[in-house]
Amino acid sequence: MEINEISRGANGGTELMLRRLHRSLDAGLLSKFQIIASRVRDIDPDRKTILWLHDVPTVETAGLKSAEYRKQFAKIVMVSDWQMQMFHIFHGVPYSDFVVIRNGIEPIPAQPKPDAGQVVNIIYHTTPQRGLALLVPAFERVQAALGGLHLHVYSSFAAYGKPDMDEPFRPLFERCRQHSDISYHGFQPYETVRHALQQSHIFAYPSIWPETSCLAAIEAMSAGNLVVAPNYGGLFDTCNRWALSYQWTEDADQHVSRFAQALSDAVLQVRNDPARHAAHVRAQKAFADQFYDWNAIAPVWDRMLRQLLA
């Protein structure tokens, strides 16, 4: 398995998963495989090739429509059932060519959170093009109505080693900086974000991005955050009904309104019904830590690779 100069400088979900796989599996076993994460460029004829898809079907993956093309791969690994179904529907790939292996996290230890009666901490910790432009006006609307909120934004394409891609979003970042109840943190080390999740109450994600699997949501659930996100893409699959979910819409203005209502409901649950909220996040954390624990997922990879060699 290769970690190239691109993945080495990036810290997105795909790169995190590649590094976890590299750290946890036997190096001798991995050396017998070429594991390609999403983008097929060169095939090594001397090793078995695994295509590990993290994206939705696009022109980039259209070659999978051909049975002859698919013969290059010993197995095609998907990260969610929703994603697998999309590739079957759009590219006609037989289910027998797939295996679904969930993305995994290192569970986040529970810590006491700040008093929600004083301030409800809301966090957004993914790249800006995924919904930040909807979150900011929705937050402003909810803050004006309810008060006692603070939004922490950890968002920059520097996470992928591409800070220049932030340019179209700089006015939005500045809007965050100028708001007394929003802290814009940009890109921060992974451990810093994990700690911020331990101190936050709500992961606010009005996603306009068709996630195949959302590590940000999984980690938020593990850290005891109520997830507010639409029923879009693989988010419903990822959150498995633990999120406070709402109906997605293509219309940006309607989306802001729907998200603002869902965020208001979340704030009131956290603030006014602490017993119910505590029970929810305890059960949610138990689910996330068991279902997405990388220590339970790595052996699935190990078993699959050894079976392919056999």
C-alpha atoms as a PDB file:
ATOM      1  CA  MET A   1       0.000   0.000   0.000  1.00  0.00           C
ATOM      2  CA  GLU A   2       1.362   3.427  -0.947  1.00  0.00           C
ATOM      3  CA  ILE A   3       1.026   6.711   0.888  1.00  0.00           C
ATOM      4  CA  ASN A   4       2.192   9.149  -1.789  1.00  0.00           C
ATOM      5  CA  GLU A   5       3.225  12.782  -1.638  1.00  0.00           C
ATOM      6  CA  ILE A   6      -0.409  13.883  -2.032  1.00  0.00           C
ATOM      7  CA  SER A   7      -1.885  11.738   0.711  1.00  0.00           C
ATOM      8  CA  ARG A   8       1.089  12.484   2.970  1.00  0.00           C
ATOM      9  CA  GLY A   9       0.277  16.208   2.929  1.00  0.00           C
ATOM     10  CA  ALA A  10      -3.479  15.821   3.274  1.00  0.00           C
ATOM     11  CA  ASN A  11      -5.669  15.150   6.297  1.00  0.00           C
ATOM     12  CA  GLY A  12      -9.054  14.372   4.806  1.00  0.00           C
ATOM     13  CA  GLY A  13     -11.093  11.313   5.651  1.00  0.00           C
ATOM     14  CA  THR A  14      -9.575   9.171   2.886  1.00  0.00           C
ATOM     15  CA  GLU A  15      -6.037   9.970   4.010  1.00  0.00           C
ATOM     16  CA  LEU A  16      -6.866   9.263   7.649  1.00  0.00           C
ATOM     17  CA  MET A  17      -8.259   5.881   6.660  1.00  0.00           C
ATOM     18  CA  LEU A  18      -5.202   5.041   4.545  1.00  0.00           C
ATOM     19  CA  ARG A  19      -2.909   5.838   7.462  1.00  0.00           C
ATOM     20  CA  ARG A  20      -4.968   3.788   9.894  1.00  0.00           C
ATOM     21  CA  LEU A  21      -4.860   0.834   7.531  1.00  0.00           C
ATOM     22  CA  HIS A  22      -1.116   1.251   7.107  1.00  0.00           C
ATOM     23  CA  ARG A  23      -0.532   1.415  10.876  1.00  0.00           C
ATOM     24  CA  SER A  24      -2.729  -1.486  11.892  1.00  0.00           C
ATOM     25  CA  LEU A  25      -2.156  -4.233   9.332  1.00  0.00           C
ATOM     26  CA  ASP A  26       0.894  -6.433   8.891  1.00  0.00           C
ATOM     27  CA  ALA A  27       3.363  -4.744   6.535  1.00  0.00           C
ATOM     28  CA  GLY A  28       4.240  -8.055   4.908  1.00  0.00           C
ATOM     29  CA  LEU A  29       0.589  -8.717   4.118  1.00  0.00           C
ATOM     30  CA  LEU A  30       0.044  -5.214   2.743  1.00  0.00           C
ATOM     31  CA  SER A  31       3.112  -5.482   0.536  1.00  0.00           C
ATOM     32  CA  LYS A  32       1.317  -8.129  -1.515  1.00  0.00           C
ATOM     33  CA  PHE A  33      -1.460  -5.691  -2.447  1.00  0.00           C
ATOM     34  CA  GLN A  34      -1.859  -2.449  -4.314  1.00  0.00           C
ATOM     35  CA  ILE A  35      -4.622  -0.563  -2.514  1.00  0.00           C
ATOM     36  CA  ILE A  36      -5.949   2.293  -4.639  1.00  0.00           C
ATOM     37  CA  ALA A  37      -8.052   4.907  -2.854  1.00  0.00           C
ATOM     38  CA  SER A  38     -10.670   6.142  -5.364  1.00  0.00           C
ATOM     39  CA  ARG A  39      -8.430   7.395  -8.229  1.00  0.00           C
ATOM     40  CA  VAL A  40      -7.123   4.695 -10.569  1.00  0.00           C
ATOM     41  CA  ARG A  41      -3.951   5.753 -12.372  1.00  0.00           C
ATOM     42  CA  ASP A  42      -1.474   2.881 -12.632  1.00  0.00           C
ATOM     43  CA  ILE A  43      -2.064  -0.814 -11.997  1.00  0.00           C
ATOM     44  CA  ASP A  44       0.798  -2.884 -10.598  1.00  0.00           C
ATOM     45  CA  PRO A  45       0.701  -6.253 -12.432  1.00  0.00           C
ATOM     46  CA  ASP A  46       2.816  -7.932  -9.742  1.00  0.00           C
ATOM     47  CA  ARG A  47       0.340  -7.426  -6.891  1.00  0.00           C
ATOM     48  CA  LYS A  48      -3.328  -7.974  -6.261  1.00  0.00           C
ATOM     49  CA  THR A  49      -5.160  -4.669  -6.658  1.00  0.00           C
ATOM     50  CA  ILE A  50      -7.910  -3.478  -4.299  1.00  0.00           C
ATOM     51  CA  LEU A  51     -10.030  -0.503  -5.369  1.00  0.00           C
ATOM     52  CA  TRP A  52     -11.138   1.293  -2.206  1.00  0.00           C
ATOM     53  CA  LEU A  53     -13.816   3.770  -3.260  1.00  0.00           C
ATOM     54  CA  HIS A  54     -14.636   6.766  -1.062  1.00  0.00           C
ATOM     55  CA  ASP A  55     -16.576   8.889  -3.568  1.00  0.00           C
ATOM     56  CA  VAL A  56     -19.882   8.777  -5.408  1.00  0.00           C
ATOM     57  CA  PRO A  57     -20.131   7.481  -9.002  1.00  0.00           C
ATOM     58  CA  THR A  58     -18.697   9.983 -11.504  1.00  0.00           C
ATOM     59  CA  VAL A  59     -17.081  10.048 -14.928  1.00  0.00           C
ATOM     60  CA  GLU A  60     -13.882   9.132 -13.075  1.00  0.00           C
ATOM     61  CA  THR A  61     -15.373   5.753 -12.124  1.00  0.00           C
ATOM     62  CA  ALA A  62     -17.362   5.096 -15.316  1.00  0.00           C
ATOM     63  CA  GLY A  63     -14.901   2.399 -16.360  1.00  0.00           C
ATOM     64  CA  LEU A  64     -16.490   0.160 -13.729  1.00  0.00           C
ATOM     65  CA  LYS A  65     -19.421  -0.330 -16.103  1.00  0.00           C
ATOM     66  CA  SER A  66     -17.178  -2.732 -18.025  1.00  0.00           C
ATOM     67  CA  ALA A  67     -16.818  -6.264 -16.672  1.00  0.00           C
ATOM     68  CA  GLU A  68     -13.430  -6.477 -18.427  1.00  0.00           C
ATOM     69  CA  TYR A  69     -12.232  -3.322 -16.635  1.00  0.00           C
ATOM     70  CA  ARG A  70     -13.382  -4.678 -13.284  1.00  0.00           C
ATOM     71  CA  LYS A  71     -11.233  -7.790 -13.742  1.00  0.00           C
ATOM     72  CA  GLN A  72      -8.213  -5.659 -12.790  1.00  0.00           C
ATOM     73  CA  PHE A  73      -9.407  -5.587  -9.197  1.00  0.00           C
ATOM     74  CA  ALA A  74      -9.319  -8.469  -6.772  1.00  0.00           C
ATOM     75  CA  LYS A  75     -12.068  -6.694  -4.850  1.00  0.00           C
ATOM     76  CA  ILE A  76     -13.889  -3.348  -4.831  1.00  0.00           C
ATOM     77  CA  VAL A  77     -14.284  -2.019  -1.291  1.00  0.00           C
ATOM     78  CA  MET A  78     -17.120   0.402  -0.502  1.00  0.00           C
ATOM     79  CA  VAL A  79     -17.459   2.452   2.690  1.00  0.00           C
ATOM     80  CA  SER A  80     -21.252   2.318   3.086  1.00  0.00           C
ATOM     81  CA  ASP A  81     -24.282   0.418   1.884  1.00  0.00           C
ATOM     82  CA  TRP A  82     -25.710   3.608   0.344  1.00  0.00           C
ATOM     83  CA  GLN A  83     -22.546   4.104  -1.702  1.00  0.00           C
ATOM     84  CA  MET A  84     -22.629   0.482  -2.884  1.00  0.00           C
ATOM     85  CA  GLN A  85     -26.210   0.883  -4.053  1.00  0.00           C
ATOM     86  CA  MET A  86     -25.321   4.065  -5.980  1.00  0.00           C
ATOM     87  CA  PHE A  87     -22.528   2.275  -7.879  1.00  0.00           C
ATOM     88  CA  HIS A  88     -24.862  -0.604  -8.626  1.00  0.00           C
ATOM     89  CA  ILE A  89     -27.584   1.739  -9.908  1.00  0.00           C
ATOM     90  CA  PHE A  90     -25.391   4.171 -11.876  1.00  0.00           C
ATOM     91  CA  HIS A  91     -22.637   1.883 -13.152  1.00  0.00           C
ATOM     92  CA  GLY A  92     -24.392  -1.485 -13.060  1.00  0.00           C
ATOM     93  CA  VAL A  93     -21.683  -3.105 -10.947  1.00  0.00           C
ATOM     94  CA  PRO A  94     -22.897  -6.472  -9.603  1.00  0.00           C
ATOM     95  CA  TYR A  95     -23.196  -6.675  -5.828  1.00  0.00           C
ATOM     96  CA  SER A  96     -20.930  -9.740  -5.932  1.00  0.00           C
ATOM     97  CA  ASP A  97     -17.997  -7.547  -6.998  1.00  0.00           C
ATOM     98  CA  PHE A  98     -18.303  -5.392  -3.850  1.00  0.00           C
ATOM     99  CA  VAL A  99     -17.575  -5.710  -0.205  1.00  0.00           C
ATOM    100  CA  VAL A 100     -18.658  -3.013   2.264  1.00  0.00           C
ATOM    101  CA  ILE A 101     -16.109  -2.261   4.985  1.00  0.00           C
ATOM    102  CA  ARG A 102     -17.100   0.670   7.133  1.00  0.00           C
ATOM    103  CA  ASN A 103     -14.798   3.584   7.821  1.00  0.00           C
ATOM    104  CA  GLY A 104     -13.503   3.517  11.364  1.00  0.00           C
ATOM    105  CA  ILE A 105     -12.518   5.930  14.110  1.00  0.00           C
ATOM    106  CA  GLU A 106     -10.520   5.879  17.301  1.00  0.00           C
ATOM    107  CA  PRO A 107     -13.338   6.408  19.839  1.00  0.00           C
ATOM    108  CA  ILE A 108     -13.202   9.766  21.595  1.00  0.00           C
ATOM    109  CA  PRO A 109     -13.177   9.545  25.410  1.00  0.00           C
ATOM    110  CA  ALA A 110     -16.131  11.177  27.136  1.00  0.00           C
ATOM    111  CA  GLN A 111     -15.399  14.312  29.124  1.00  0.00           C
ATOM    112  CA  PRO A 112     -17.668  16.678  31.081  1.00  0.00           C
ATOM    113  CA  LYS A 113     -18.989  19.357  28.748  1.00  0.00           C
ATOM    114  CA  PRO A 114     -19.497  23.036  29.559  1.00  0.00           C
ATOM    115  CA  ASP A 115     -22.806  23.953  31.164  1.00  0.00           C
ATOM    116  CA  ALA A 116     -25.323  24.209  28.316  1.00  0.00           C
ATOM    117  CA  GLY A 117     -27.345  26.577  30.479  1.00  0.00           C
ATOM    118  CA  GLN A 118     -24.524  29.077  30.082  1.00  0.00           C
ATOM    119  CA  VAL A 119     -23.552  28.413  26.468  1.00  0.00           C
ATOM    120  CA  VAL A 120     -24.375  25.745  23.894  1.00  0.00           C
ATOM    121  CA  ASN A 121     -21.239  25.058  21.884  1.00  0.00           C
ATOM    122  CA  ILE A 122     -21.876  24.223  18.231  1.00  0.00           C
ATOM    123  CA  ILE A 123     -19.136  22.867  15.977  1.00  0.00           C
ATOM    124  CA  TYR A 124     -18.551  22.555  12.222  1.00  0.00           C
ATOM    125  CA  HIS A 125     -15.359  20.635  11.386  1.00  0.00           C
ATOM    126  CA  THR A 126     -15.277  19.804   7.718  1.00  0.00           C
ATOM    127  CA  THR A 127     -14.277  21.661   4.548  1.00  0.00           C
ATOM    128  CA  PRO A 128     -16.213  24.835   3.647  1.00  0.00           C
ATOM    129  CA  GLN A 129     -17.836  23.728   0.390  1.00  0.00           C
ATOM    130  CA  ARG A 130     -19.928  21.124   2.207  1.00  0.00           C
ATOM    131  CA  GLY A 131     -22.424  23.527   3.757  1.00  0.00           C
ATOM    132  CA  LEU A 132     -20.731  26.301   5.715  1.00  0.00           C
ATOM    133  CA  ALA A 133     -22.429  28.971   3.578  1.00  0.00           C
ATOM    134  CA  LEU A 134     -25.792  27.685   4.816  1.00  0.00           C
ATOM    135  CA  LEU A 135     -24.715  27.159   8.413  1.00  0.00           C
ATOM    136  CA  VAL A 136     -23.594  30.739   9.070  1.00  0.00           C
ATOM    137  CA  PRO A 137     -26.912  32.490   8.226  1.00  0.00           C
ATOM    138  CA  ALA A 138     -28.881  29.715   9.942  1.00  0.00           C
ATOM    139  CA  PHE A 139     -26.756  30.088  13.082  1.00  0.00           C
ATOM    140  CA  GLU A 140     -27.225  33.862  13.042  1.00  0.00           C
ATOM    141  CA  ARG A 141     -30.990  33.343  12.853  1.00  0.00           C
ATOM    142  CA  VAL A 142     -31.070  30.847  15.736  1.00  0.00           C
ATOM    143  CA  GLN A 143     -28.686  32.884  17.874  1.00  0.00           C
ATOM    144  CA  ALA A 144     -30.887  35.962  17.458  1.00  0.00           C
ATOM    145  CA  ALA A 145     -33.940  33.980  18.549  1.00  0.00           C
ATOM    146  CA  LEU A 146     -32.525  31.887  21.396  1.00  0.00           C
ATOM    147  CA  GLY A 147     -29.205  33.405  22.466  1.00  0.00           C
ATOM    148  CA  GLY A 148     -26.542  31.652  24.520  1.00  0.00           C
ATOM    149  CA  LEU A 149     -24.883  29.926  21.561  1.00  0.00           C
ATOM    150  CA  HIS A 150     -21.349  29.854  20.241  1.00  0.00           C
ATOM    151  CA  LEU A 151     -20.280  28.394  16.906  1.00  0.00           C
ATOM    152  CA  HIS A 152     -16.762  26.994  16.439  1.00  0.00           C
ATOM    153  CA  VAL A 153     -15.724  26.601  12.804  1.00  0.00           C
ATOM    154  CA  TYR A 154     -12.778  24.346  11.939  1.00  0.00           C
ATOM    155  CA  SER A 155     -12.759  24.574   8.168  1.00  0.00           C
ATOM    156  CA  SER A 156     -10.137  25.016   5.466  1.00  0.00           C
ATOM    157  CA  PHE A 157      -8.863  23.233   2.388  1.00  0.00           C
ATOM    158  CA  ALA A 158      -5.510  23.267   4.167  1.00  0.00           C
ATOM    159  CA  ALA A 159      -6.823  19.953   5.518  1.00  0.00           C
ATOM    160  CA  TYR A 160      -6.091  18.586   2.032  1.00  0.00           C
ATOM    161  CA  GLY A 161      -2.832  20.495   1.684  1.00  0.00           C
ATOM    162  CA  LYS A 162      -4.565  22.945  -0.698  1.00  0.00           C
ATOM    163  CA  PRO A 163      -5.029  26.267   1.146  1.00  0.00           C
ATOM    164  CA  ASP A 164      -5.349  28.161  -2.154  1.00  0.00           C
ATOM    165  CA  MET A 165      -8.768  26.563  -2.605  1.00  0.00           C
ATOM    166  CA  ASP A 166      -9.973  28.641   0.372  1.00  0.00           C
ATOM    167  CA  GLU A 167      -9.970  31.792  -1.757  1.00  0.00           C
ATOM    168  CA  PRO A 168     -13.700  31.764  -2.747  1.00  0.00           C
ATOM    169  CA  PHE A 169     -14.640  31.263   0.912  1.00  0.00           C
ATOM    170  CA  ARG A 170     -12.544  34.048   2.449  1.00  0.00           C
ATOM    171  CA  PRO A 171     -15.515  36.480   2.672  1.00  0.00           C
ATOM    172  CA  LEU A 172     -17.433  33.759   4.534  1.00  0.00           C
ATOM    173  CA  PHE A 173     -14.498  33.172   6.877  1.00  0.00           C
ATOM    174  CA  GLU A 174     -14.309  36.915   7.512  1.00  0.00           C
ATOM    175  CA  ARG A 175     -18.038  36.979   8.286  1.00  0.00           C
ATOM    176  CA  CYS A 176     -17.330  34.338  10.921  1.00  0.00           C
ATOM    177  CA  ARG A 177     -14.422  36.315  12.356  1.00  0.00           C
ATOM    178  CA  GLN A 178     -16.522  39.460  12.648  1.00  0.00           C
ATOM    179  CA  HIS A 179     -19.333  37.733  14.570  1.00  0.00           C
ATOM    180  CA  SER A 180     -18.902  37.874  18.331  1.00  0.00           C
ATOM    181  CA  ASP A 181     -20.500  34.444  18.770  1.00  0.00           C
ATOM    182  CA  ILE A 182     -18.501  32.622  16.075  1.00  0.00           C
ATOM    183  CA  SER A 183     -14.876  31.530  16.374  1.00  0.00           C
ATOM    184  CA  TYR A 184     -13.172  30.709  13.087  1.00  0.00           C
ATOM    185  CA  HIS A 185     -10.248  28.363  13.767  1.00  0.00           C
ATOM    186  CA  GLY A 186      -9.301  27.437  10.201  1.00  0.00           C
ATOM    187  CA  PHE A 187      -7.358  24.193   9.887  1.00  0.00           C
ATOM    188  CA  GLN A 188      -6.112  22.738  13.144  1.00  0.00           C
ATOM    189  CA  PRO A 189      -4.295  19.515  14.068  1.00  0.00           C
ATOM    190  CA  TYR A 190      -6.443  16.436  14.374  1.00  0.00           C
ATOM    191  CA  GLU A 191      -6.017  16.180  18.149  1.00  0.00           C
ATOM    192  CA  THR A 192      -7.107  19.799  18.572  1.00  0.00           C
ATOM    193  CA  VAL A 193     -10.360  19.072  16.746  1.00  0.00           C
ATOM    194  CA  ARG A 194     -10.944  15.911  18.787  1.00  0.00           C
ATOM    195  CA  HIS A 195     -10.600  17.975  21.972  1.00  0.00           C
ATOM    196  CA  ALA A 196     -12.979  20.619  20.595  1.00  0.00           C
ATOM    197  CA  LEU A 197     -15.547  17.873  19.952  1.00  0.00           C
ATOM    198  CA  GLN A 198     -15.296  16.868  23.604  1.00  0.00           C
ATOM    199  CA  GLN A 199     -16.221  20.444  24.568  1.00  0.00           C
ATOM    200  CA  SER A 200     -19.072  20.926  22.092  1.00  0.00           C
ATOM    201  CA  HIS A 201     -22.743  19.937  22.310  1.00  0.00           C
ATOM    202  CA  ILE A 202     -23.956  19.963  18.687  1.00  0.00           C
ATOM    203  CA  PHE A 203     -22.353  19.088  15.357  1.00  0.00           C
ATOM    204  CA  ALA A 204     -24.129  21.372  12.878  1.00  0.00           C
ATOM    205  CA  TYR A 205     -23.890  20.064   9.325  1.00  0.00           C
ATOM    206  CA  PRO A 206     -26.343  21.413   6.700  1.00  0.00           C
ATOM    207  CA  SER A 207     -24.643  19.246   4.113  1.00  0.00           C
ATOM    208  CA  ILE A 208     -24.841  20.009   0.402  1.00  0.00           C
ATOM    209  CA  TRP A 209     -22.232  17.328  -0.281  1.00  0.00           C
ATOM    210  CA  PRO A 210     -23.289  13.735  -1.067  1.00  0.00           C
ATOM    211  CA  GLU A 211     -21.238  12.035   1.614  1.00  0.00           C
ATOM    212  CA  THR A 212     -20.587   8.344   1.115  1.00  0.00           C
ATOM    213  CA  SER A 213     -19.565   8.006   4.766  1.00  0.00           C
ATOM    214  CA  CYS A 214     -18.958  10.918   7.117  1.00  0.00           C
ATOM    215  CA  LEU A 215     -16.087  10.585   9.579  1.00  0.00           C
ATOM    216  CA  ALA A 216     -16.869  14.048  10.959  1.00  0.00           C
ATOM    217  CA  ALA A 217     -20.346  12.880  11.972  1.00  0.00           C
ATOM    218  CA  ILE A 218     -19.049   9.593  13.391  1.00  0.00           C
ATOM    219  CA  GLU A 219     -16.485  11.355  15.559  1.00  0.00           C
ATOM    220  CA  ALA A 220     -19.070  13.907  16.658  1.00  0.00           C
ATOM    221  CA  MET A 221     -21.370  11.075  17.785  1.00  0.00           C
ATOM    222  CA  SER A 222     -18.506   9.402  19.643  1.00  0.00           C
ATOM    223  CA  ALA A 223     -17.709  12.690  21.400  1.00  0.00           C
ATOM    224  CA  GLY A 224     -21.296  13.069  22.621  1.00  0.00           C
ATOM    225  CA  ASN A 225     -22.528  15.683  20.167  1.00  0.00           C
ATOM    226  CA  LEU A 226     -26.082  15.775  18.877  1.00  0.00           C
ATOM    227  CA  VAL A 227     -25.765  15.688  15.078  1.00  0.00           C
ATOM    228  CA  VAL A 228     -28.035  18.002  13.077  1.00  0.00           C
ATOM    229  CA  ALA A 229     -27.851  16.990   9.413  1.00  0.00           C
ATOM    230  CA  PRO A 230     -30.147  16.349   6.443  1.00  0.00           C
ATOM    231  CA  ASN A 231     -31.257  13.000   5.048  1.00  0.00           C
ATOM    232  CA  TYR A 232     -28.871  13.453   2.116  1.00  0.00           C
ATOM    233  CA  GLY A 233     -26.383  11.063   0.576  1.00  0.00           C
ATOM    234  CA  GLY A 234     -24.857   8.601   2.984  1.00  0.00           C
ATOM    235  CA  LEU A 235     -25.483  10.710   6.088  1.00  0.00           C
ATOM    236  CA  PHE A 236     -28.640   8.848   7.025  1.00  0.00           C
ATOM    237  CA  ASP A 237     -26.720   5.578   6.589  1.00  0.00           C
ATOM    238  CA  THR A 238     -23.771   6.883   8.635  1.00  0.00           C
ATOM    239  CA  CYS A 239     -25.809   8.267  11.527  1.00  0.00           C
ATOM    240  CA  ASN A 240     -28.260   5.348  11.575  1.00  0.00           C
ATOM    241  CA  ARG A 241     -31.159   7.511  12.893  1.00  0.00           C
ATOM    242  CA  TRP A 242     -29.156   8.986  15.779  1.00  0.00           C
ATOM    243  CA  ALA A 243     -28.990  12.393  14.100  1.00  0.00           C
ATOM    244  CA  LEU A 244     -31.671  15.029  14.351  1.00  0.00           C
ATOM    245  CA  SER A 245     -32.398  14.659  10.660  1.00  0.00           C
ATOM    246  CA  TYR A 246     -34.458  16.871   8.358  1.00  0.00           C
ATOM    247  CA  GLN A 247     -35.633  16.780   4.745  1.00  0.00           C
ATOM    248  CA  TRP A 248     -32.922  17.938   2.338  1.00  0.00           C
ATOM    249  CA  THR A 249     -33.796  20.410  -0.414  1.00  0.00           C
ATOM    250  CA  GLU A 250     -32.002  21.797  -3.450  1.00  0.00           C
ATOM    251  CA  ASP A 251     -33.241  25.329  -2.682  1.00  0.00           C
ATOM    252  CA  ALA A 252     -30.627  27.153  -0.590  1.00  0.00           C
ATOM    253  CA  ASP A 253     -33.066  29.538   1.113  1.00  0.00           C
ATOM    254  CA  GLN A 254     -35.422  26.723   2.062  1.00  0.00           C
ATOM    255  CA  HIS A 255     -32.453  24.674   3.254  1.00  0.00           C
ATOM    256  CA  VAL A 256     -31.335  27.488   5.572  1.00  0.00           C
ATOM    257  CA  SER A 257     -34.854  27.702   7.019  1.00  0.00           C
ATOM    258  CA  ARG A 258     -35.193  23.954   7.515  1.00  0.00           C
ATOM    259  CA  PHE A 259     -31.767  23.691   9.048  1.00  0.00           C
ATOM    260  CA  ALA A 260     -32.383  26.660  11.346  1.00  0.00           C
ATOM    261  CA  GLN A 261     -35.551  24.975  12.636  1.00  0.00           C
ATOM    262  CA  ALA A 262     -33.717  21.689  13.222  1.00  0.00           C
ATOM    263  CA  LEU A 263     -30.850  23.510  14.945  1.00  0.00           C
ATOM    264  CA  SER A 264     -33.333  25.348  17.176  1.00  0.00           C
ATOM    265  CA  ASP A 265     -34.911  22.030  18.140  1.00  0.00           C
ATOM    266  CA  ALA A 266     -31.478  20.641  18.964  1.00  0.00           C
ATOM    267  CA  VAL A 267     -30.532  23.623  21.116  1.00  0.00           C
ATOM    268  CA  LEU A 268     -33.801  23.385  23.058  1.00  0.00           C
ATOM    269  CA  GLN A 269     -33.272  19.661  23.632  1.00  0.00           C
ATOM    270  CA  VAL A 270     -29.734  20.206  24.909  1.00  0.00           C
ATOM    271  CA  ARG A 271     -30.729  23.162  27.076  1.00  0.00           C
ATOM    272  CA  ASN A 272     -34.235  22.331  28.324  1.00  0.00           C
ATOM    273  CA  ASP A 273     -34.346  18.528  28.461  1.00  0.00           C
ATOM    274  CA  PRO A 274     -30.944  17.504  29.812  1.00  0.00           C
ATOM    275  CA  ALA A 275     -32.028  14.071  31.030  1.00  0.00           C
ATOM    276  CA  ARG A 276     -33.415  13.072  27.632  1.00  0.00           C
ATOM    277  CA  HIS A 277     -30.408  14.557  25.881  1.00  0.00           C
ATOM    278  CA  ALA A 278     -27.923  12.776  28.144  1.00  0.00           C
ATOM    279  CA  ALA A 279     -29.659   9.434  27.548  1.00  0.00           C
ATOM    280  CA  HIS A 280     -29.600  10.043  23.784  1.00  0.00           C
ATOM    281  CA  VAL A 281     -25.907  10.874  23.545  1.00  0.00           C
ATOM    282  CA  ARG A 282     -24.909   8.002  25.871  1.00  0.00           C
ATOM    283  CA  ALA A 283     -26.722   5.479  23.671  1.00  0.00           C
ATOM    284  CA  GLN A 284     -25.457   7.189  20.513  1.00  0.00           C
ATOM    285  CA  LYS A 285     -21.861   7.046  21.743  1.00  0.00           C
ATOM    286  CA  ALA A 286     -22.191   3.363  22.601  1.00  0.00           C
ATOM    287  CA  PHE A 287     -23.403   2.731  19.051  1.00  0.00           C
ATOM    288  CA  ALA A 288     -20.672   4.803  17.362  1.00  0.00           C
ATOM    289  CA  ASP A 289     -17.874   3.393  19.497  1.00  0.00           C
ATOM    290  CA  GLN A 290     -18.913  -0.196  18.866  1.00  0.00           C
ATOM    291  CA  PHE A 291     -20.006   0.039  15.221  1.00  0.00           C
ATOM    292  CA  TYR A 292     -17.178   2.267  13.960  1.00  0.00           C
ATOM    293  CA  ASP A 293     -14.248   1.330  16.217  1.00  0.00           C
ATOM    294  CA  TRP A 294     -11.234   0.921  13.943  1.00  0.00           C
ATOM    295  CA  ASN A 295      -9.896  -1.828  16.216  1.00  0.00           C
ATOM    296  CA  ALA A 296     -12.914  -3.923  15.193  1.00  0.00           C
ATOM    297  CA  ILE A 297     -12.745  -2.916  11.510  1.00  0.00           C
ATOM    298  CA  ALA A 298      -9.034  -3.551  10.905  1.00  0.00           C
ATOM    299  CA  PRO A 299      -9.448  -7.335  11.416  1.00  0.00           C
ATOM    300  CA  VAL A 300     -12.133  -7.314   8.692  1.00  0.00           C
ATOM    301  CA  TRP A 301      -9.529  -5.920   6.285  1.00  0.00           C
ATOM    302  CA  ASP A 302      -6.956  -8.455   7.474  1.00  0.00           C
ATOM    303  CA  ARG A 303      -9.341 -11.363   6.958  1.00  0.00           C
ATOM    304  CA  MET A 304     -10.386 -10.187   3.486  1.00  0.00           C
ATOM    305  CA  LEU A 305      -6.792  -9.746   2.283  1.00  0.00           C
ATOM    306  CA  ARG A 306      -5.734 -13.162   3.575  1.00  0.00           C
ATOM    307  CA  GLN A 307      -8.746 -14.791   1.930  1.00  0.00           C
ATOM    308  CA  LEU A 308      -7.843 -13.137  -1.386  1.00  0.00           C
ATOM    309  CA  LEU A 309      -4.323 -14.552  -1.143  1.00  0.00           C
ATOM    310  CA  ALA A 310      -5.666 -18.004  -0.318  1.00  0.00           C
END
